[in-house]
């Protein structure tokens, strides 16, 4: 099966060959009308023209076959391109949906971390103190909250917890 470039080159080659045949027939017809020949030469020329006409018909049949092949290949390529486009669009739609869900999960996680930080702060504030374990857990959650894009409001709460006495 020829590639697209090979098919185009083949079609161009065949067009050039057909053009040569047309030019040849023009010359022959001009020579035929302009020349005064004997019957024998005339019949010989007619036979040559018939043979060339058959050869040209064969060449045209090859061109038709090549064009049919090219059209078939183009249909296959168009089908493949459509499949690729549809697949690409499905991938884009999936990624967009996935990103939206990931964004919602990130916002939800950030909100939950913020809520936990505030609850831990209120718990420590009501006790008036905090344990080393509570401070470690609070600090890890605070770092994760900030890394996830949390705002600086929680930093004020963190500073207030650090000011509490530990035990």
Foldseek 3Di string as FASTA:
>chain_A
DDDLVVLVVVLVVLVVVVVVLVVVVVVLVVCVVPDDDDPVVVVVSVVVVVVSVVVVVVSVVVSVVSVVVSVVVVVVVVVVVVVVVVVVVVVVVVVVVVVVVVVVVLVVLLVVLVVVLVVLLVVCVVVLEEEPVSLVVSVVSVVVNVVSPHDCPSVVSNVVRVPGHYD
